[in-house]
N, C-alpha and C. Protein backbone atom coordinates (compact mmCIF):
# COMPACT_ATOMS: atom_id res chain seq x y z
N MET A 1 64.71 96.45 81.18
CA MET A 1 64.91 97.73 81.85
C MET A 1 66.04 97.63 82.89
N TRP A 2 65.98 96.63 83.76
CA TRP A 2 67.01 96.48 84.80
C TRP A 2 68.37 96.16 84.19
N ARG A 3 68.36 95.37 83.16
CA ARG A 3 69.61 95.01 82.51
C ARG A 3 70.29 96.25 81.95
N ARG A 4 69.54 97.09 81.28
CA ARG A 4 70.10 98.30 80.72
C ARG A 4 70.55 99.27 81.81
N TYR A 5 69.76 99.36 82.85
CA TYR A 5 70.12 100.23 83.98
C TYR A 5 71.44 99.75 84.59
N LEU A 6 71.56 98.46 84.81
CA LEU A 6 72.80 97.92 85.38
C LEU A 6 73.97 98.09 84.41
N PHE A 7 73.72 97.96 83.12
CA PHE A 7 74.75 98.21 82.12
C PHE A 7 75.30 99.62 82.28
N VAL A 8 74.40 100.60 82.26
CA VAL A 8 74.82 102.00 82.35
C VAL A 8 75.50 102.27 83.69
N LEU A 9 74.91 101.79 84.76
CA LEU A 9 75.46 102.04 86.09
C LEU A 9 76.85 101.45 86.27
N THR A 10 77.00 100.18 85.93
CA THR A 10 78.30 99.53 86.15
C THR A 10 79.34 100.03 85.15
N PHE A 11 78.92 100.32 83.93
CA PHE A 11 79.85 100.85 82.93
C PHE A 11 80.35 102.22 83.37
N ALA A 12 79.45 103.07 83.84
CA ALA A 12 79.84 104.41 84.29
C ALA A 12 80.76 104.32 85.50
N TRP A 13 80.47 103.41 86.39
CA TRP A 13 81.30 103.23 87.58
C TRP A 13 82.71 102.79 87.19
N TRP A 14 82.80 101.83 86.27
CA TRP A 14 84.08 101.25 85.89
C TRP A 14 84.88 102.20 84.98
N MET A 15 84.34 102.51 83.81
CA MET A 15 85.08 103.33 82.85
C MET A 15 85.09 104.80 83.25
N GLY A 16 83.99 105.26 83.84
CA GLY A 16 83.97 106.64 84.32
C GLY A 16 84.98 106.84 85.45
N GLY A 17 85.05 105.86 86.35
CA GLY A 17 86.02 105.93 87.44
C GLY A 17 87.44 105.93 86.92
N LEU A 18 87.71 105.06 85.97
CA LEU A 18 89.04 104.98 85.38
C LEU A 18 89.41 106.30 84.69
N THR A 19 88.48 106.83 83.91
CA THR A 19 88.74 108.06 83.17
C THR A 19 88.95 109.24 84.12
N PHE A 20 88.10 109.36 85.13
CA PHE A 20 88.25 110.43 86.11
C PHE A 20 89.57 110.31 86.86
N TYR A 21 89.92 109.10 87.22
CA TYR A 21 91.18 108.88 87.94
C TYR A 21 92.37 109.30 87.08
N ALA A 22 92.36 108.88 85.81
CA ALA A 22 93.48 109.19 84.91
C ALA A 22 93.57 110.68 84.57
N LEU A 23 92.43 111.32 84.35
CA LEU A 23 92.44 112.70 83.89
C LEU A 23 92.43 113.75 85.00
N VAL A 24 91.93 113.38 86.20
CA VAL A 24 91.80 114.37 87.26
C VAL A 24 92.63 114.01 88.50
N VAL A 25 92.46 112.82 89.00
CA VAL A 25 93.10 112.46 90.28
C VAL A 25 94.62 112.43 90.17
N ILE A 26 95.15 111.75 89.16
CA ILE A 26 96.61 111.63 89.05
C ILE A 26 97.28 113.00 88.85
N PRO A 27 96.81 113.83 87.91
CA PRO A 27 97.44 115.15 87.78
C PRO A 27 97.29 116.02 89.04
N THR A 28 96.15 115.93 89.71
CA THR A 28 95.95 116.70 90.93
C THR A 28 96.89 116.22 92.03
N ALA A 29 97.02 114.91 92.16
CA ALA A 29 97.92 114.36 93.18
C ALA A 29 99.37 114.76 92.89
N GLU A 30 99.75 114.77 91.62
CA GLU A 30 101.11 115.21 91.26
C GLU A 30 101.32 116.67 91.65
N HIS A 31 100.31 117.49 91.43
CA HIS A 31 100.40 118.90 91.79
C HIS A 31 100.52 119.07 93.31
N VAL A 32 99.71 118.35 94.06
CA VAL A 32 99.71 118.48 95.52
C VAL A 32 100.98 117.88 96.14
N LEU A 33 101.38 116.69 95.70
CA LEU A 33 102.54 116.03 96.30
C LEU A 33 103.86 116.51 95.72
N GLY A 34 103.81 117.09 94.53
CA GLY A 34 105.01 117.67 93.96
C GLY A 34 105.89 116.73 93.16
N ASN A 35 105.55 115.45 93.11
CA ASN A 35 106.36 114.56 92.28
C ASN A 35 105.54 113.36 91.83
N HIS A 36 106.00 112.81 90.73
CA HIS A 36 105.29 111.69 90.10
C HIS A 36 105.53 110.37 90.85
N ARG A 37 106.68 110.22 91.48
CA ARG A 37 107.03 108.95 92.13
C ARG A 37 106.08 108.63 93.29
N ASP A 38 105.82 109.60 94.16
CA ASP A 38 104.91 109.35 95.29
C ASP A 38 103.50 109.04 94.81
N VAL A 39 103.08 109.75 93.79
CA VAL A 39 101.76 109.49 93.20
C VAL A 39 101.72 108.08 92.64
N GLY A 40 102.81 107.64 92.05
CA GLY A 40 102.88 106.29 91.49
C GLY A 40 102.68 105.21 92.53
N PHE A 41 103.17 105.42 93.74
CA PHE A 41 102.97 104.42 94.79
C PHE A 41 101.53 104.41 95.29
N ILE A 42 100.88 105.56 95.24
CA ILE A 42 99.45 105.59 95.56
C ILE A 42 98.68 104.87 94.44
N THR A 43 99.02 105.19 93.21
CA THR A 43 98.36 104.58 92.05
C THR A 43 98.54 103.07 92.06
N GLN A 44 99.71 102.61 92.48
CA GLN A 44 99.98 101.16 92.54
C GLN A 44 98.94 100.46 93.42
N GLN A 45 98.54 101.11 94.49
CA GLN A 45 97.53 100.53 95.38
C GLN A 45 96.12 100.69 94.83
N VAL A 46 95.83 101.86 94.28
CA VAL A 46 94.47 102.15 93.78
C VAL A 46 94.13 101.29 92.57
N THR A 47 95.10 101.05 91.69
CA THR A 47 94.80 100.29 90.48
C THR A 47 94.43 98.84 90.78
N ILE A 48 94.84 98.33 91.92
CA ILE A 48 94.37 97.00 92.33
C ILE A 48 92.85 97.02 92.42
N TRP A 49 92.31 98.07 93.05
CA TRP A 49 90.86 98.19 93.21
C TRP A 49 90.17 98.52 91.89
N LEU A 50 90.80 99.36 91.08
CA LEU A 50 90.23 99.65 89.76
C LEU A 50 90.11 98.37 88.94
N ASN A 51 91.16 97.55 88.98
CA ASN A 51 91.14 96.31 88.21
C ASN A 51 90.11 95.33 88.77
N LEU A 52 90.03 95.20 90.07
CA LEU A 52 89.04 94.29 90.66
C LEU A 52 87.62 94.74 90.34
N SER A 53 87.41 96.05 90.32
CA SER A 53 86.05 96.57 90.08
C SER A 53 85.55 96.29 88.68
N GLY A 54 86.42 95.88 87.78
CA GLY A 54 86.01 95.63 86.41
C GLY A 54 85.26 94.33 86.18
N PHE A 55 85.34 93.40 87.11
CA PHE A 55 84.70 92.10 86.88
C PHE A 55 83.18 92.18 86.86
N VAL A 56 82.59 92.97 87.74
CA VAL A 56 81.12 93.09 87.77
C VAL A 56 80.60 93.71 86.47
N PRO A 57 81.16 94.84 86.01
CA PRO A 57 80.70 95.37 84.73
C PRO A 57 80.89 94.40 83.57
N LEU A 58 81.99 93.67 83.55
CA LEU A 58 82.19 92.70 82.47
C LEU A 58 81.09 91.65 82.45
N LEU A 59 80.65 91.21 83.62
CA LEU A 59 79.55 90.24 83.69
C LEU A 59 78.24 90.86 83.21
N VAL A 60 77.98 92.09 83.62
CA VAL A 60 76.75 92.77 83.18
C VAL A 60 76.78 93.00 81.67
N LEU A 61 77.92 93.39 81.13
CA LEU A 61 78.04 93.59 79.69
C LEU A 61 77.85 92.27 78.93
N LEU A 62 78.33 91.18 79.50
CA LEU A 62 78.11 89.87 78.88
C LEU A 62 76.63 89.51 78.89
N TRP A 63 75.96 89.75 80.00
CA TRP A 63 74.52 89.51 80.11
C TRP A 63 73.78 90.29 79.03
N ASN A 64 74.14 91.55 78.87
CA ASN A 64 73.51 92.38 77.86
C ASN A 64 73.79 91.85 76.46
N LEU A 65 75.01 91.45 76.22
CA LEU A 65 75.40 90.90 74.92
C LEU A 65 74.56 89.68 74.56
N ILE A 66 74.41 88.79 75.51
CA ILE A 66 73.63 87.57 75.28
C ILE A 66 72.15 87.90 75.07
N ALA A 67 71.63 88.80 75.90
CA ALA A 67 70.20 89.14 75.82
C ALA A 67 69.83 89.83 74.51
N ASP A 68 70.73 90.62 73.97
CA ASP A 68 70.43 91.37 72.75
C ASP A 68 71.01 90.74 71.49
N TRP A 69 71.60 89.58 71.61
CA TRP A 69 72.28 88.94 70.49
C TRP A 69 71.37 88.82 69.26
N GLY A 70 70.14 88.38 69.45
CA GLY A 70 69.23 88.16 68.33
C GLY A 70 68.75 89.43 67.68
N PHE A 71 68.87 90.56 68.36
CA PHE A 71 68.41 91.83 67.79
C PHE A 71 69.51 92.59 67.07
N ALA A 72 70.76 92.24 67.38
CA ALA A 72 71.88 92.96 66.78
C ALA A 72 72.11 92.52 65.34
N ARG A 73 72.47 93.46 64.52
CA ARG A 73 72.87 93.12 63.16
C ARG A 73 74.16 92.33 63.22
N ARG A 74 74.46 91.61 62.16
CA ARG A 74 75.62 90.71 62.16
C ARG A 74 76.90 91.43 62.55
N TRP A 75 77.19 92.59 61.95
CA TRP A 75 78.44 93.29 62.26
C TRP A 75 78.44 93.84 63.67
N PHE A 76 77.26 94.21 64.18
CA PHE A 76 77.18 94.65 65.57
C PHE A 76 77.47 93.47 66.50
N ARG A 77 76.95 92.30 66.15
CA ARG A 77 77.23 91.10 66.96
C ARG A 77 78.73 90.83 67.01
N TYR A 78 79.36 90.86 65.83
CA TYR A 78 80.82 90.65 65.79
C TYR A 78 81.53 91.71 66.63
N GLY A 79 81.09 92.94 66.48
CA GLY A 79 81.71 94.03 67.25
C GLY A 79 81.51 93.88 68.74
N LEU A 80 80.29 93.56 69.14
CA LEU A 80 80.00 93.39 70.58
C LEU A 80 80.80 92.22 71.16
N ALA A 81 80.80 91.10 70.44
CA ALA A 81 81.54 89.94 70.94
C ALA A 81 83.04 90.21 70.95
N GLY A 82 83.53 90.85 69.89
CA GLY A 82 84.96 91.14 69.80
C GLY A 82 85.43 92.13 70.85
N THR A 83 84.66 93.20 71.04
CA THR A 83 85.07 94.19 72.05
C THR A 83 84.95 93.62 73.45
N TRP A 84 83.94 92.79 73.69
CA TRP A 84 83.82 92.18 75.02
C TRP A 84 85.00 91.24 75.27
N ALA A 85 85.34 90.43 74.28
CA ALA A 85 86.48 89.52 74.43
C ALA A 85 87.77 90.31 74.64
N LEU A 86 87.93 91.40 73.90
CA LEU A 86 89.12 92.23 74.05
C LEU A 86 89.18 92.86 75.45
N MET A 87 88.02 93.29 75.96
CA MET A 87 88.00 93.84 77.32
C MET A 87 88.38 92.78 78.34
N LEU A 88 87.88 91.57 78.16
CA LEU A 88 88.18 90.50 79.10
C LEU A 88 89.66 90.12 79.06
N VAL A 89 90.19 89.93 77.88
CA VAL A 89 91.61 89.56 77.74
C VAL A 89 92.50 90.68 78.29
N SER A 90 92.17 91.91 77.96
CA SER A 90 92.98 93.02 78.47
C SER A 90 92.84 93.15 79.98
N HIS A 91 91.69 92.78 80.50
CA HIS A 91 91.50 92.85 81.96
C HIS A 91 92.45 91.88 82.66
N PHE A 92 92.53 90.67 82.16
CA PHE A 92 93.49 89.73 82.73
C PHE A 92 94.92 90.21 82.47
N GLY A 93 95.14 90.84 81.33
CA GLY A 93 96.45 91.41 81.04
C GLY A 93 96.83 92.50 82.03
N LEU A 94 95.86 93.27 82.49
CA LEU A 94 96.14 94.30 83.49
C LEU A 94 96.63 93.70 84.81
N PHE A 95 96.02 92.59 85.21
CA PHE A 95 96.47 91.93 86.44
C PHE A 95 97.91 91.43 86.28
N ALA A 96 98.20 90.83 85.14
CA ALA A 96 99.55 90.33 84.89
C ALA A 96 100.55 91.49 84.83
N ALA A 97 100.20 92.55 84.11
CA ALA A 97 101.11 93.69 83.98
C ALA A 97 101.31 94.40 85.31
N HIS A 98 100.25 94.49 86.10
CA HIS A 98 100.35 95.14 87.41
C HIS A 98 101.34 94.38 88.29
N SER A 99 101.24 93.08 88.29
CA SER A 99 102.17 92.25 89.06
C SER A 99 103.59 92.41 88.53
N TRP A 100 103.74 92.47 87.22
CA TRP A 100 105.04 92.61 86.58
C TRP A 100 105.69 93.95 86.94
N VAL A 101 104.90 95.02 86.95
CA VAL A 101 105.42 96.33 87.33
C VAL A 101 105.79 96.35 88.81
N THR A 102 104.93 95.77 89.65
CA THR A 102 105.14 95.80 91.10
C THR A 102 106.41 95.06 91.51
N ARG A 103 106.81 94.06 90.74
CA ARG A 103 108.01 93.28 91.10
C ARG A 103 109.28 94.11 91.17
N ILE A 104 109.33 95.23 90.48
CA ILE A 104 110.55 96.03 90.53
C ILE A 104 110.39 97.25 91.45
N LEU A 105 109.35 97.23 92.26
CA LEU A 105 109.14 98.31 93.22
C LEU A 105 109.44 97.83 94.64
N ASP A 106 109.96 98.72 95.43
CA ASP A 106 110.10 98.51 96.87
C ASP A 106 108.99 99.35 97.49
N VAL A 107 107.81 98.77 97.59
CA VAL A 107 106.62 99.52 98.00
C VAL A 107 106.75 100.11 99.40
N PRO A 108 107.20 99.35 100.42
CA PRO A 108 107.27 99.94 101.77
C PRO A 108 108.20 101.16 101.86
N ASN A 109 109.28 101.16 101.08
CA ASN A 109 110.25 102.27 101.14
C ASN A 109 110.09 103.27 99.99
N HIS A 110 109.09 103.08 99.17
CA HIS A 110 108.81 103.97 98.04
C HIS A 110 110.03 104.14 97.14
N ARG A 111 110.57 103.00 96.73
CA ARG A 111 111.74 103.03 95.85
C ARG A 111 111.47 102.19 94.61
N ILE A 112 112.11 102.59 93.54
CA ILE A 112 112.03 101.85 92.29
C ILE A 112 113.41 101.23 92.07
N HIS A 113 113.46 99.90 91.99
CA HIS A 113 114.74 99.21 91.83
C HIS A 113 115.39 99.47 90.48
N ASP A 114 114.59 99.56 89.44
CA ASP A 114 115.11 99.72 88.08
C ASP A 114 114.19 100.71 87.37
N PHE A 115 114.60 101.99 87.33
CA PHE A 115 113.73 103.02 86.79
C PHE A 115 113.44 102.82 85.31
N ASP A 116 114.46 102.48 84.52
CA ASP A 116 114.24 102.26 83.08
C ASP A 116 113.30 101.08 82.85
N GLY A 117 113.51 100.02 83.63
CA GLY A 117 112.62 98.86 83.55
C GLY A 117 111.20 99.22 83.95
N PHE A 118 111.09 100.06 84.98
CA PHE A 118 109.77 100.51 85.42
C PHE A 118 109.06 101.27 84.31
N GLU A 119 109.78 102.20 83.69
CA GLU A 119 109.18 103.00 82.62
C GLU A 119 108.65 102.11 81.49
N ALA A 120 109.44 101.12 81.10
CA ALA A 120 109.02 100.22 80.02
C ALA A 120 107.81 99.39 80.43
N ARG A 121 107.86 98.85 81.63
CA ARG A 121 106.74 98.02 82.11
C ARG A 121 105.48 98.86 82.31
N HIS A 122 105.66 100.05 82.82
CA HIS A 122 104.50 100.93 83.04
C HIS A 122 103.86 101.32 81.72
N ALA A 123 104.69 101.51 80.69
CA ALA A 123 104.17 101.83 79.35
C ALA A 123 103.32 100.67 78.82
N VAL A 124 103.74 99.44 79.09
CA VAL A 124 102.94 98.28 78.69
C VAL A 124 101.60 98.30 79.41
N TYR A 125 101.63 98.54 80.72
CA TYR A 125 100.39 98.60 81.50
C TYR A 125 99.46 99.68 80.94
N GLU A 126 100.00 100.87 80.69
CA GLU A 126 99.18 101.96 80.14
C GLU A 126 98.63 101.61 78.76
N GLY A 127 99.41 100.90 77.96
CA GLY A 127 98.93 100.47 76.66
C GLY A 127 97.75 99.53 76.77
N ILE A 128 97.81 98.60 77.72
CA ILE A 128 96.70 97.67 77.93
C ILE A 128 95.46 98.42 78.41
N VAL A 129 95.66 99.37 79.32
CA VAL A 129 94.53 100.18 79.80
C VAL A 129 93.88 100.92 78.63
N THR A 130 94.70 101.48 77.75
CA THR A 130 94.18 102.23 76.61
C THR A 130 93.38 101.33 75.67
N ILE A 131 93.90 100.15 75.40
CA ILE A 131 93.19 99.19 74.55
C ILE A 131 91.85 98.84 75.17
N GLN A 132 91.84 98.57 76.48
CA GLN A 132 90.60 98.22 77.16
C GLN A 132 89.61 99.39 77.13
N TRP A 133 90.10 100.59 77.34
CA TRP A 133 89.24 101.78 77.37
C TRP A 133 88.58 102.00 76.00
N ILE A 134 89.37 101.89 74.93
CA ILE A 134 88.82 102.05 73.57
C ILE A 134 87.81 100.94 73.26
N ALA A 135 88.14 99.71 73.64
CA ALA A 135 87.21 98.60 73.43
C ALA A 135 85.91 98.82 74.20
N ALA A 136 86.02 99.33 75.42
CA ALA A 136 84.83 99.57 76.24
C ALA A 136 83.95 100.66 75.65
N LEU A 137 84.55 101.74 75.20
CA LEU A 137 83.75 102.82 74.59
C LEU A 137 83.09 102.35 73.30
N THR A 138 83.82 101.57 72.52
CA THR A 138 83.24 101.01 71.28
C THR A 138 82.11 100.06 71.62
N HIS A 139 82.31 99.22 72.63
CA HIS A 139 81.28 98.27 73.05
C HIS A 139 80.01 99.01 73.50
N ALA A 140 80.19 100.07 74.27
CA ALA A 140 79.03 100.84 74.74
C ALA A 140 78.26 101.43 73.56
N TRP A 141 78.97 101.97 72.57
CA TRP A 141 78.30 102.53 71.39
C TRP A 141 77.52 101.44 70.66
N LEU A 142 78.15 100.28 70.46
CA LEU A 142 77.47 99.18 69.78
C LEU A 142 76.25 98.71 70.57
N ALA A 143 76.36 98.67 71.88
CA ALA A 143 75.21 98.27 72.71
C ALA A 143 74.07 99.28 72.57
N LEU A 144 74.39 100.56 72.58
CA LEU A 144 73.36 101.59 72.42
C LEU A 144 72.68 101.46 71.06
N MET A 145 73.45 101.22 70.02
CA MET A 145 72.87 101.05 68.68
C MET A 145 71.98 99.81 68.64
N THR A 146 72.40 98.75 69.30
CA THR A 146 71.59 97.53 69.34
C THR A 146 70.30 97.76 70.12
N TRP A 147 70.37 98.50 71.22
CA TRP A 147 69.16 98.84 71.96
C TRP A 147 68.19 99.60 71.07
N ARG A 148 68.72 100.51 70.28
CA ARG A 148 67.88 101.29 69.38
C ARG A 148 67.19 100.37 68.36
N ILE A 149 67.94 99.46 67.79
CA ILE A 149 67.36 98.50 66.83
C ILE A 149 66.30 97.66 67.52
N ARG A 150 66.60 97.17 68.71
CA ARG A 150 65.64 96.33 69.44
C ARG A 150 64.38 97.10 69.78
N ASP A 151 64.53 98.32 70.27
CA ASP A 151 63.37 99.12 70.63
C ASP A 151 62.49 99.41 69.42
N ARG A 152 63.11 99.70 68.30
CA ARG A 152 62.33 99.96 67.08
C ARG A 152 61.58 98.72 66.62
N SER A 153 62.23 97.56 66.75
CA SER A 153 61.56 96.33 66.31
C SER A 153 60.41 95.98 67.25
N LEU A 154 60.54 96.27 68.52
CA LEU A 154 59.47 95.97 69.47
C LEU A 154 58.30 96.93 69.31
N VAL A 155 58.59 98.16 68.93
CA VAL A 155 57.53 99.14 68.71
C VAL A 155 56.76 98.81 67.44
N SER A 156 57.44 98.41 66.39
CA SER A 156 56.76 98.12 65.13
C SER A 156 56.03 96.79 65.17
N ARG A 157 56.49 95.86 65.95
CA ARG A 157 55.89 94.53 65.99
C ARG A 157 54.47 94.55 66.57
N PRO A 158 54.23 95.20 67.72
CA PRO A 158 52.84 95.21 68.22
C PRO A 158 51.88 95.91 67.26
N PHE A 159 52.35 96.95 66.57
CA PHE A 159 51.49 97.64 65.62
C PHE A 159 51.14 96.70 64.47
N ALA A 160 52.11 95.95 64.02
CA ALA A 160 51.87 95.02 62.93
C ALA A 160 50.86 93.95 63.34
N LYS A 161 50.98 93.49 64.60
CA LYS A 161 50.05 92.47 65.09
C LYS A 161 48.64 93.03 65.19
N SER A 162 48.53 94.24 65.72
CA SER A 162 47.18 94.80 65.89
C SER A 162 46.55 95.12 64.54
N ALA A 163 47.35 95.56 63.58
CA ALA A 163 46.82 95.85 62.23
C ALA A 163 46.36 94.59 61.55
N SER A 164 47.15 93.50 61.67
CA SER A 164 46.75 92.25 61.03
C SER A 164 45.57 91.63 61.75
N ALA A 165 45.48 91.82 63.06
CA ALA A 165 44.37 91.27 63.82
C ALA A 165 43.07 91.99 63.47
N SER A 166 43.15 93.33 63.33
CA SER A 166 41.93 94.06 62.97
C SER A 166 41.51 93.77 61.54
N ALA A 167 42.47 93.53 60.66
CA ALA A 167 42.14 93.21 59.27
C ALA A 167 41.46 91.85 59.18
N SER A 168 41.87 90.90 60.02
CA SER A 168 41.29 89.57 59.95
C SER A 168 39.91 89.51 60.59
N THR A 169 39.62 90.46 61.49
CA THR A 169 38.30 90.45 62.13
C THR A 169 37.29 91.33 61.39
N ALA A 170 37.74 92.07 60.38
CA ALA A 170 36.82 92.92 59.62
C ALA A 170 35.88 92.04 58.81
N GLU A 171 34.66 92.51 58.68
CA GLU A 171 33.68 91.73 57.93
C GLU A 171 33.96 91.84 56.44
N PRO A 172 33.85 90.73 55.71
CA PRO A 172 34.07 90.76 54.28
C PRO A 172 32.95 91.57 53.59
N LYS A 173 33.28 92.21 52.50
CA LYS A 173 32.26 93.00 51.77
C LYS A 173 31.64 92.22 50.67
């Protein structure tokens, strides 16, 4: 129960926060500030926290993966392990890409040293985020399906035990 609760809570915090930030905060900030460049310097600072916040959910998702490993079907296991590994690799990739993008920024003066280079590097960063986001949503679906399989097996197992126990205690005719 706690494991699943923490899965949902940390997943919603991490991926929900990322999705809300990308779909609502950035466009709203662009509207209020009037340009993409100033928003980009805010985003440069915020994404440090978004990236750091991903480590706790990744640990919780790993805990869930290990705990449900025996209940998952083979392809679900491959999917869960693969999507988790992809999330982890892309997470480290985000730190590397963030540093790579930041190197061509003059953060204190809000200047971009090489705009074309920035655009290319930022596209790489966004691509990694997209890969991680798709892997995370796929992982969550696979985890939910595995929970369903596990719950069904736990419900049917006690019934099977009680039926066999009552059959063995019945008096022979």
